[in-house]
Full PDB file with SEQRES, HELIX, SHEET, SSBOND, CRYST1, ORIGX, SCALE, CONECT and MASTER records, all heavy atoms in Angstrom:
SEQRES   1 A   34  THR ASP GLY GLN GLU GLU SER ILE PHE PRO ASP GLY THR          
SEQRES   2 A   34  ILE VAL ARG VAL GLN ARG ASP GLY SER LYS THR ILE GLU          
SEQRES   3 A   34  PHE ASN ASN GLY GLN ARG GLU LEU                              
SHEET    1 AA1 4 GLU A   5  ILE A   8  0                                        
SHEET    2 AA1 4 ILE A  14  VAL A  17 -1                                        
SHEET    3 AA1 4 LYS A  23  GLU A  26 -1                                        
SHEET    4 AA1 4 ARG A  32  GLU A  33 -1                                        
CRYST1    1.000    1.000    1.000  90.00  90.00  90.00 P 1           1          
ORIGX1      1.000000  0.000000  0.000000        0.00000                         
ORIGX2      0.000000  1.000000  0.000000        0.00000                         
ORIGX3      0.000000  0.000000  1.000000        0.00000                         
SCALE1      1.000000  0.000000  0.000000        0.00000                         
SCALE2      0.000000  1.000000  0.000000        0.00000                         
SCALE3      0.000000  0.000000  1.000000        0.00000                         
ATOM      1  N   THR A   1       0.807  -1.210  -0.010  1.00  0.00           N  
ATOM      2  CA  THR A   1       0.005  -0.001   0.010  1.00  0.00           C  
ATOM      3  C   THR A   1       0.857   1.258   0.021  1.00  0.00           C  
ATOM      4  O   THR A   1       0.372   2.327  -0.418  1.00  0.00           O  
ATOM      5  CB  THR A   1      -0.951   0.027   1.214  1.00  0.00           C  
ATOM      6  OG1 THR A   1      -0.170  -0.112   2.399  1.00  0.00           O  
ATOM      7  CG2 THR A   1      -1.957  -1.132   1.128  1.00  0.00           C  
ATOM      8  N   ASP A   2       2.101   1.197   0.453  1.00  0.00           N  
ATOM      9  CA  ASP A   2       2.970   2.403   0.502  1.00  0.00           C  
ATOM     10  C   ASP A   2       3.681   2.616  -0.818  1.00  0.00           C  
ATOM     11  O   ASP A   2       4.551   3.471  -0.950  1.00  0.00           O  
ATOM     12  CB  ASP A   2       3.982   2.271   1.634  1.00  0.00           C  
ATOM     13  CG  ASP A   2       4.929   1.110   1.498  1.00  0.00           C  
ATOM     14  OD1 ASP A   2       4.849   0.365   0.486  1.00  0.00           O  
ATOM     15  OD2 ASP A   2       5.753   0.896   2.401  1.00  0.00           O  
ATOM     16  N   GLY A   3       3.348   1.784  -1.860  1.00  0.00           N  
ATOM     17  CA  GLY A   3       3.925   1.954  -3.191  1.00  0.00           C  
ATOM     18  C   GLY A   3       5.155   1.084  -3.461  1.00  0.00           C  
ATOM     19  O   GLY A   3       5.628   1.033  -4.570  1.00  0.00           O  
ATOM     20  N   GLN A   4       5.632   0.362  -2.444  1.00  0.00           N  
ATOM     21  CA  GLN A   4       6.760  -0.542  -2.674  1.00  0.00           C  
ATOM     22  C   GLN A   4       6.313  -1.789  -3.355  1.00  0.00           C  
ATOM     23  O   GLN A   4       5.163  -2.198  -3.245  1.00  0.00           O  
ATOM     24  CB  GLN A   4       7.430  -0.922  -1.330  1.00  0.00           C  
ATOM     25  CG  GLN A   4       8.071   0.277  -0.633  1.00  0.00           C  
ATOM     26  CD  GLN A   4       8.756  -0.159   0.612  1.00  0.00           C  
ATOM     27  OE1 GLN A   4       9.694  -0.919   0.577  1.00  0.00           O  
ATOM     28  NE2 GLN A   4       8.282   0.306   1.777  1.00  0.00           N  
ATOM     29  N   GLU A   5       7.241  -2.449  -4.060  1.00  0.00           N  
ATOM     30  CA  GLU A   5       6.957  -3.701  -4.773  1.00  0.00           C  
ATOM     31  C   GLU A   5       8.048  -4.704  -4.423  1.00  0.00           C  
ATOM     32  O   GLU A   5       9.200  -4.311  -4.232  1.00  0.00           O  
ATOM     33  CB  GLU A   5       6.960  -3.531  -6.309  1.00  0.00           C  
ATOM     34  CG  GLU A   5       5.875  -2.620  -6.824  1.00  0.00           C  
ATOM     35  CD  GLU A   5       5.927  -2.471  -8.321  1.00  0.00           C  
ATOM     36  OE1 GLU A   5       6.647  -3.224  -8.997  1.00  0.00           O  
ATOM     37  OE2 GLU A   5       5.228  -1.560  -8.836  1.00  0.00           O  
ATOM     38  N   GLU A   6       7.643  -5.955  -4.441  1.00  0.00           N  
ATOM     39  CA  GLU A   6       8.625  -7.038  -4.214  1.00  0.00           C  
ATOM     40  C   GLU A   6       8.301  -8.180  -5.143  1.00  0.00           C  
ATOM     41  O   GLU A   6       7.156  -8.607  -5.206  1.00  0.00           O  
ATOM     42  CB  GLU A   6       8.592  -7.518  -2.772  1.00  0.00           C  
ATOM     43  CG  GLU A   6       9.484  -8.721  -2.475  1.00  0.00           C  
ATOM     44  CD  GLU A   6       9.310  -9.226  -1.082  1.00  0.00           C  
ATOM     45  OE1 GLU A   6       8.238  -9.855  -0.810  1.00  0.00           O  
ATOM     46  OE2 GLU A   6      10.182  -9.054  -0.245  1.00  0.00           O  
ATOM     47  N   SER A   7       9.291  -8.676  -5.916  1.00  0.00           N  
ATOM     48  CA  SER A   7       9.089  -9.817  -6.809  1.00  0.00           C  
ATOM     49  C   SER A   7      10.033 -10.925  -6.357  1.00  0.00           C  
ATOM     50  O   SER A   7      11.231 -10.696  -6.143  1.00  0.00           O  
ATOM     51  CB  SER A   7       9.358  -9.464  -8.267  1.00  0.00           C  
ATOM     52  OG  SER A   7       8.429  -8.496  -8.697  1.00  0.00           O  
ATOM     53  N   ILE A   8       9.501 -12.138  -6.221  1.00  0.00           N  
ATOM     54  CA  ILE A   8      10.298 -13.306  -5.797  1.00  0.00           C  
ATOM     55  C   ILE A   8      10.219 -14.263  -7.009  1.00  0.00           C  
ATOM     56  O   ILE A   8       9.148 -14.763  -7.345  1.00  0.00           O  
ATOM     57  CB  ILE A   8       9.792 -13.944  -4.532  1.00  0.00           C  
ATOM     58  CG1 ILE A   8       9.730 -12.889  -3.429  1.00  0.00           C  
ATOM     59  CG2 ILE A   8      10.634 -15.146  -4.167  1.00  0.00           C  
ATOM     60  CD1 ILE A   8       8.944 -13.324  -2.213  1.00  0.00           C  
ATOM     61  N   PHE A   9      11.378 -14.515  -7.649  1.00  0.00           N  
ATOM     62  CA  PHE A   9      11.420 -15.372  -8.846  1.00  0.00           C  
ATOM     63  C   PHE A   9      11.680 -16.804  -8.431  1.00  0.00           C  
ATOM     64  O   PHE A   9      12.242 -17.077  -7.377  1.00  0.00           O  
ATOM     65  CB  PHE A   9      12.506 -14.826  -9.790  1.00  0.00           C  
ATOM     66  CG  PHE A   9      12.183 -13.485 -10.334  1.00  0.00           C  
ATOM     67  CD1 PHE A   9      12.593 -12.303  -9.698  1.00  0.00           C  
ATOM     68  CD2 PHE A   9      11.396 -13.348 -11.531  1.00  0.00           C  
ATOM     69  CE1 PHE A   9      12.247 -11.041 -10.163  1.00  0.00           C  
ATOM     70  CE2 PHE A   9      11.083 -12.094 -12.028  1.00  0.00           C  
ATOM     71  CZ  PHE A   9      11.515 -10.937 -11.326  1.00  0.00           C  
ATOM     72  N   PRO A  10      11.320 -17.708  -9.319  1.00  0.00           N  
ATOM     73  CA  PRO A  10      11.456 -19.191  -9.009  1.00  0.00           C  
ATOM     74  C   PRO A  10      12.903 -19.572  -8.665  1.00  0.00           C  
ATOM     75  O   PRO A  10      13.097 -20.530  -7.907  1.00  0.00           O  
ATOM     76  CB  PRO A  10      10.959 -19.884 -10.291  1.00  0.00           C  
ATOM     77  CG  PRO A  10      10.046 -18.892 -10.902  1.00  0.00           C  
ATOM     78  CD  PRO A  10      10.612 -17.538 -10.596  1.00  0.00           C  
ATOM     79  N   ASP A  11      13.885 -18.864  -9.234  1.00  0.00           N  
ATOM     80  CA  ASP A  11      15.280 -19.225  -8.939  1.00  0.00           C  
ATOM     81  C   ASP A  11      15.771 -18.662  -7.579  1.00  0.00           C  
ATOM     82  O   ASP A  11      16.921 -18.831  -7.223  1.00  0.00           O  
ATOM     83  CB  ASP A  11      16.213 -18.753 -10.072  1.00  0.00           C  
ATOM     84  CG  ASP A  11      16.346 -17.234 -10.174  1.00  0.00           C  
ATOM     85  OD1 ASP A  11      15.696 -16.510  -9.388  1.00  0.00           O  
ATOM     86  OD2 ASP A  11      17.141 -16.775 -11.011  1.00  0.00           O  
ATOM     87  N   GLY A  12      14.922 -17.959  -6.897  1.00  0.00           N  
ATOM     88  CA  GLY A  12      15.260 -17.380  -5.579  1.00  0.00           C  
ATOM     89  C   GLY A  12      15.679 -15.935  -5.624  1.00  0.00           C  
ATOM     90  O   GLY A  12      15.866 -15.308  -4.576  1.00  0.00           O  
ATOM     91  N   THR A  13      15.799 -15.355  -6.793  1.00  0.00           N  
ATOM     92  CA  THR A  13      16.138 -13.961  -6.940  1.00  0.00           C  
ATOM     93  C   THR A  13      14.963 -13.115  -6.390  1.00  0.00           C  
ATOM     94  O   THR A  13      13.810 -13.405  -6.679  1.00  0.00           O  
ATOM     95  CB  THR A  13      16.394 -13.560  -8.387  1.00  0.00           C  
ATOM     96  OG1 THR A  13      17.493 -14.343  -8.869  1.00  0.00           O  
ATOM     97  CG2 THR A  13      16.750 -12.092  -8.548  1.00  0.00           C  
ATOM     98  N   ILE A  14      15.323 -12.059  -5.620  1.00  0.00           N  
ATOM     99  CA  ILE A  14      14.299 -11.170  -5.056  1.00  0.00           C  
ATOM    100  C   ILE A  14      14.589  -9.757  -5.534  1.00  0.00           C  
ATOM    101  O   ILE A  14      15.725  -9.248  -5.402  1.00  0.00           O  
ATOM    102  CB  ILE A  14      14.318 -11.208  -3.519  1.00  0.00           C  
ATOM    103  CG1 ILE A  14      14.005 -12.619  -3.019  1.00  0.00           C  
ATOM    104  CG2 ILE A  14      13.308 -10.195  -2.932  1.00  0.00           C  
ATOM    105  CD1 ILE A  14      14.170 -12.808  -1.529  1.00  0.00           C  
ATOM    106  N   VAL A  15      13.573  -9.061  -6.088  1.00  0.00           N  
ATOM    107  CA  VAL A  15      13.718  -7.693  -6.563  1.00  0.00           C  
ATOM    108  C   VAL A  15      12.763  -6.858  -5.729  1.00  0.00           C  
ATOM    109  O   VAL A  15      11.560  -7.137  -5.651  1.00  0.00           O  
ATOM    110  CB  VAL A  15      13.400  -7.573  -8.038  1.00  0.00           C  
ATOM    111  CG1 VAL A  15      13.490  -6.096  -8.480  1.00  0.00           C  
ATOM    112  CG2 VAL A  15      14.316  -8.426  -8.878  1.00  0.00           C  
ATOM    113  N   ARG A  16      13.293  -5.831  -5.083  1.00  0.00           N  
ATOM    114  CA  ARG A  16      12.463  -4.882  -4.318  1.00  0.00           C  
ATOM    115  C   ARG A  16      12.594  -3.504  -4.929  1.00  0.00           C  
ATOM    116  O   ARG A  16      13.692  -3.027  -5.185  1.00  0.00           O  
ATOM    117  CB  ARG A  16      12.940  -4.827  -2.845  1.00  0.00           C  
ATOM    118  CG  ARG A  16      12.655  -6.095  -2.109  1.00  0.00           C  
ATOM    119  CD  ARG A  16      13.041  -6.021  -0.637  1.00  0.00           C  
ATOM    120  NE  ARG A  16      12.776  -7.266   0.034  1.00  0.00           N  
ATOM    121  CZ  ARG A  16      13.668  -8.254   0.193  1.00  0.00           C  
ATOM    122  NH1 ARG A  16      14.864  -8.081  -0.257  1.00  0.00           N  
ATOM    123  NH2 ARG A  16      13.302  -9.372   0.819  1.00  0.00           N  
ATOM    124  N   VAL A  17      11.427  -2.864  -5.183  1.00  0.00           N  
ATOM    125  CA  VAL A  17      11.400  -1.530  -5.787  1.00  0.00           C  
ATOM    126  C   VAL A  17      10.780  -0.605  -4.754  1.00  0.00           C  
ATOM    127  O   VAL A  17       9.680  -0.851  -4.300  1.00  0.00           O  
ATOM    128  CB  VAL A  17      10.592  -1.526  -7.110  1.00  0.00           C  
ATOM    129  CG1 VAL A  17      10.605  -0.129  -7.703  1.00  0.00           C  
ATOM    130  CG2 VAL A  17      11.150  -2.520  -8.071  1.00  0.00           C  
ATOM    131  N   GLN A  18      11.514   0.472  -4.412  1.00  0.00           N  
ATOM    132  CA  GLN A  18      10.996   1.485  -3.461  1.00  0.00           C  
ATOM    133  C   GLN A  18      10.146   2.503  -4.180  1.00  0.00           C  
ATOM    134  O   GLN A  18      10.133   2.566  -5.414  1.00  0.00           O  
ATOM    135  CB  GLN A  18      12.197   2.170  -2.786  1.00  0.00           C  
ATOM    136  CG  GLN A  18      13.150   1.235  -2.081  1.00  0.00           C  
ATOM    137  CD  GLN A  18      12.498   0.370  -1.031  1.00  0.00           C  
ATOM    138  OE1 GLN A  18      11.707   0.811  -0.262  1.00  0.00           O  
ATOM    139  NE2 GLN A  18      12.799  -0.927  -1.050  1.00  0.00           N  
ATOM    140  N   ARG A  19       9.432   3.304  -3.427  1.00  0.00           N  
ATOM    141  CA  ARG A  19       8.578   4.347  -4.005  1.00  0.00           C  
ATOM    142  C   ARG A  19       9.381   5.331  -4.878  1.00  0.00           C  
ATOM    143  O   ARG A  19       8.814   5.827  -5.850  1.00  0.00           O  
ATOM    144  CB  ARG A  19       7.858   5.111  -2.915  1.00  0.00           C  
ATOM    145  CG  ARG A  19       6.748   4.324  -2.304  1.00  0.00           C  
ATOM    146  CD  ARG A  19       5.849   5.071  -1.365  1.00  0.00           C  
ATOM    147  NE  ARG A  19       6.296   6.393  -1.021  1.00  0.00           N  
ATOM    148  CZ  ARG A  19       5.986   6.979   0.119  1.00  0.00           C  
ATOM    149  NH1 ARG A  19       5.244   6.376   1.029  1.00  0.00           N  
ATOM    150  NH2 ARG A  19       6.434   8.187   0.380  1.00  0.00           N  
ATOM    151  N   ASP A  20      10.613   5.616  -4.541  1.00  0.00           N  
ATOM    152  CA  ASP A  20      11.407   6.561  -5.310  1.00  0.00           C  
ATOM    153  C   ASP A  20      11.971   5.962  -6.575  1.00  0.00           C  
ATOM    154  O   ASP A  20      12.689   6.601  -7.322  1.00  0.00           O  
ATOM    155  CB  ASP A  20      12.551   7.142  -4.430  1.00  0.00           C  
ATOM    156  CG  ASP A  20      13.582   6.087  -4.009  1.00  0.00           C  
ATOM    157  OD1 ASP A  20      13.473   4.910  -4.402  1.00  0.00           O  
ATOM    158  OD2 ASP A  20      14.493   6.466  -3.258  1.00  0.00           O  
ATOM    159  N   GLY A  21      11.677   4.649  -6.816  1.00  0.00           N  
ATOM    160  CA  GLY A  21      12.120   3.985  -8.066  1.00  0.00           C  
ATOM    161  C   GLY A  21      13.447   3.245  -7.848  1.00  0.00           C  
ATOM    162  O   GLY A  21      13.856   2.497  -8.726  1.00  0.00           O  
ATOM    163  N   SER A  22      14.133   3.419  -6.682  1.00  0.00           N  
ATOM    164  CA  SER A  22      15.356   2.682  -6.484  1.00  0.00           C  
ATOM    165  C   SER A  22      15.022   1.203  -6.337  1.00  0.00           C  
ATOM    166  O   SER A  22      13.919   0.851  -5.910  1.00  0.00           O  
ATOM    167  CB  SER A  22      16.110   3.204  -5.267  1.00  0.00           C  
ATOM    168  OG  SER A  22      15.369   3.023  -4.068  1.00  0.00           O  
ATOM    169  N   LYS A  23      15.966   0.360  -6.761  1.00  0.00           N  
ATOM    170  CA  LYS A  23      15.708  -1.075  -6.831  1.00  0.00           C  
ATOM    171  C   LYS A  23      16.834  -1.865  -6.215  1.00  0.00           C  
ATOM    172  O   LYS A  23      18.012  -1.514  -6.364  1.00  0.00           O  
ATOM    173  CB  LYS A  23      15.595  -1.466  -8.301  1.00  0.00           C  
ATOM    174  CG  LYS A  23      15.243  -2.868  -8.595  1.00  0.00           C  
ATOM    175  CD  LYS A  23      15.279  -3.196 -10.095  1.00  0.00           C  
ATOM    176  CE  LYS A  23      14.316  -2.374 -10.915  1.00  0.00           C  
ATOM    177  NZ  LYS A  23      14.291  -2.804 -12.328  1.00  0.00           N  
ATOM    178  N   THR A  24      16.502  -2.862  -5.390  1.00  0.00           N  
ATOM    179  CA  THR A  24      17.476  -3.769  -4.810  1.00  0.00           C  
ATOM    180  C   THR A  24      17.210  -5.161  -5.361  1.00  0.00           C  
ATOM    181  O   THR A  24      16.043  -5.613  -5.338  1.00  0.00           O  
ATOM    182  CB  THR A  24      17.356  -3.825  -3.245  1.00  0.00           C  
ATOM    183  OG1 THR A  24      17.455  -2.476  -2.779  1.00  0.00           O  
ATOM    184  CG2 THR A  24      18.425  -4.690  -2.660  1.00  0.00           C  
ATOM    185  N   ILE A  25      18.242  -5.792  -5.851  1.00  0.00           N  
ATOM    186  CA  ILE A  25      18.119  -7.147  -6.418  1.00  0.00           C  
ATOM    187  C   ILE A  25      19.059  -8.067  -5.578  1.00  0.00           C  
ATOM    188  O   ILE A  25      20.234  -7.794  -5.449  1.00  0.00           O  
ATOM    189  CB  ILE A  25      18.529  -7.225  -7.858  1.00  0.00           C  
ATOM    190  CG1 ILE A  25      17.726  -6.192  -8.690  1.00  0.00           C  
ATOM    191  CG2 ILE A  25      18.367  -8.619  -8.436  1.00  0.00           C  
ATOM    192  CD1 ILE A  25      18.282  -5.965 -10.083  1.00  0.00           C  
ATOM    193  N   GLU A  26      18.449  -9.093  -5.004  1.00  0.00           N  
ATOM    194  CA  GLU A  26      19.230 -10.091  -4.213  1.00  0.00           C  
ATOM    195  C   GLU A  26      19.246 -11.363  -5.036  1.00  0.00           C  
ATOM    196  O   GLU A  26      18.197 -11.989  -5.269  1.00  0.00           O  
ATOM    197  CB  GLU A  26      18.614 -10.321  -2.848  1.00  0.00           C  
ATOM    198  CG  GLU A  26      18.638  -9.072  -1.980  1.00  0.00           C  
ATOM    199  CD  GLU A  26      17.928  -9.284  -0.667  1.00  0.00           C  
ATOM    200  OE1 GLU A  26      17.564 -10.415  -0.310  1.00  0.00           O  
ATOM    201  OE2 GLU A  26      17.681  -8.252   0.017  1.00  0.00           O  
ATOM    202  N   PHE A  27      20.425 -11.788  -5.499  1.00  0.00           N  
ATOM    203  CA  PHE A  27      20.586 -12.990  -6.313  1.00  0.00           C  
ATOM    204  C   PHE A  27      20.795 -14.197  -5.415  1.00  0.00           C  
ATOM    205  O   PHE A  27      21.297 -14.087  -4.282  1.00  0.00           O  
ATOM    206  CB  PHE A  27      21.734 -12.832  -7.290  1.00  0.00           C  
ATOM    207  CG  PHE A  27      21.538 -11.715  -8.256  1.00  0.00           C  
ATOM    208  CD1 PHE A  27      22.071 -10.456  -8.011  1.00  0.00           C  
ATOM    209  CD2 PHE A  27      20.829 -11.917  -9.432  1.00  0.00           C  
ATOM    210  CE1 PHE A  27      21.888  -9.427  -8.926  1.00  0.00           C  
ATOM    211  CE2 PHE A  27      20.635 -10.891 -10.338  1.00  0.00           C  
ATOM    212  CZ  PHE A  27      21.148  -9.615 -10.073  1.00  0.00           C  
ATOM    213  N   ASN A  28      20.456 -15.355  -5.911  1.00  0.00           N  
ATOM    214  CA  ASN A  28      20.590 -16.583  -5.124  1.00  0.00           C  
ATOM    215  C   ASN A  28      22.053 -17.011  -4.952  1.00  0.00           C  
ATOM    216  O   ASN A  28      22.332 -17.877  -4.133  1.00  0.00           O  
ATOM    217  CB  ASN A  28      19.774 -17.744  -5.750  1.00  0.00           C  
ATOM    218  CG  ASN A  28      20.203 -18.097  -7.147  1.00  0.00           C  
ATOM    219  OD1 ASN A  28      21.174 -17.548  -7.664  1.00  0.00           O  
ATOM    220  ND2 ASN A  28      19.461 -18.994  -7.772  1.00  0.00           N  
ATOM    221  N   ASN A  29      23.012 -16.375  -5.617  1.00  0.00           N  
ATOM    222  CA  ASN A  29      24.409 -16.664  -5.460  1.00  0.00           C  
ATOM    223  C   ASN A  29      25.077 -15.777  -4.402  1.00  0.00           C  
ATOM    224  O   ASN A  29      26.303 -15.776  -4.236  1.00  0.00           O  
ATOM    225  CB  ASN A  29      25.156 -16.572  -6.796  1.00  0.00           C  
ATOM    226  CG  ASN A  29      25.146 -15.153  -7.380  1.00  0.00           C  
ATOM    227  OD1 ASN A  29      24.609 -14.230  -6.772  1.00  0.00           O  
ATOM    228  ND2 ASN A  29      25.646 -15.037  -8.581  1.00  0.00           N  
ATOM    229  N   GLY A  30      24.269 -14.974  -3.693  1.00  0.00           N  
ATOM    230  CA  GLY A  30      24.811 -14.095  -2.659  1.00  0.00           C  
ATOM    231  C   GLY A  30      25.120 -12.700  -3.138  1.00  0.00           C  
ATOM    232  O   GLY A  30      25.431 -11.821  -2.309  1.00  0.00           O  
ATOM    233  N   GLN A  31      25.113 -12.470  -4.416  1.00  0.00           N  
ATOM    234  CA  GLN A  31      25.356 -11.123  -4.917  1.00  0.00           C  
ATOM    235  C   GLN A  31      24.110 -10.263  -4.739  1.00  0.00           C  
ATOM    236  O   GLN A  31      23.002 -10.757  -4.641  1.00  0.00           O  
ATOM    237  CB  GLN A  31      25.729 -11.164  -6.450  1.00  0.00           C  
ATOM    238  CG  GLN A  31      27.031 -11.869  -6.668  1.00  0.00           C  
ATOM    239  CD  GLN A  31      27.391 -11.857  -8.141  1.00  0.00           C  
ATOM    240  OE1 GLN A  31      26.908 -11.062  -8.925  1.00  0.00           O  
ATOM    241  NE2 GLN A  31      28.321 -12.774  -8.505  1.00  0.00           N  
ATOM    242  N   ARG A  32      24.366  -8.940  -4.675  1.00  0.00           N  
ATOM    243  CA  ARG A  32      23.285  -8.010  -4.463  1.00  0.00           C  
ATOM    244  C   ARG A  32      23.550  -6.780  -5.358  1.00  0.00           C  
ATOM    245  O   ARG A  32      24.673  -6.375  -5.522  1.00  0.00           O  
ATOM    246  CB  ARG A  32      23.390  -7.568  -2.979  1.00  0.00           C  
ATOM    247  CG  ARG A  32      22.133  -7.064  -2.406  1.00  0.00           C  
ATOM    248  CD  ARG A  32      22.294  -6.943  -0.844  1.00  0.00           C  
ATOM    249  NE  ARG A  32      21.230  -6.114  -0.407  1.00  0.00           N  
ATOM    250  CZ  ARG A  32      21.383  -4.902   0.055  1.00  0.00           C  
ATOM    251  NH1 ARG A  32      22.569  -4.376   0.168  1.00  0.00           N  
ATOM    252  NH2 ARG A  32      20.341  -4.192   0.424  1.00  0.00           N  
ATOM    253  N   GLU A  33      22.428  -6.240  -5.934  1.00  0.00           N  
ATOM    254  CA  GLU A  33      22.571  -5.058  -6.742  1.00  0.00           C  
ATOM    255  C   GLU A  33      21.651  -3.962  -6.202  1.00  0.00           C  
ATOM    256  O   GLU A  33      20.561  -4.291  -5.731  1.00  0.00           O  
ATOM    257  CB  GLU A  33      22.186  -5.326  -8.192  1.00  0.00           C  
ATOM    258  CG  GLU A  33      23.348  -5.603  -9.086  1.00  0.00           C  
ATOM    259  CD  GLU A  33      23.001  -5.715 -10.556  1.00  0.00           C  
ATOM    260  OE1 GLU A  33      22.066  -5.037 -11.052  1.00  0.00           O  
ATOM    261  OE2 GLU A  33      23.685  -6.463 -11.227  1.00  0.00           O  
ATOM    262  N   LEU A  34      22.105  -2.754  -6.319  1.00  0.00           N  
ATOM    263  CA  LEU A  34      21.325  -1.573  -5.917  1.00  0.00           C  
ATOM    264  C   LEU A  34      21.307  -0.630  -7.133  1.00  0.00           C  
ATOM    265  O   LEU A  34      22.346  -0.274  -7.632  1.00  0.00           O  
ATOM    266  CB  LEU A  34      21.900  -0.908  -4.704  1.00  0.00           C  
ATOM    267  CG  LEU A  34      21.211   0.404  -4.250  1.00  0.00           C  
ATOM    268  CD1 LEU A  34      19.778   0.106  -3.801  1.00  0.00           C  
ATOM    269  CD2 LEU A  34      22.008   0.997  -3.052  1.00  0.00           C  
TER     270      LEU A  34                                                      
MASTER        0    0    0    0    4    0    0    6  269    1    0    3          
END                                                                             
């Protein structure tokens, strides 16, 4: 409801999008992207 989004993919990758459009991606190999 606050505008944030979270997607969880079958391979375990998680993508979170904040209201300001910034995005965090957590990969199943331990890597992370902002």
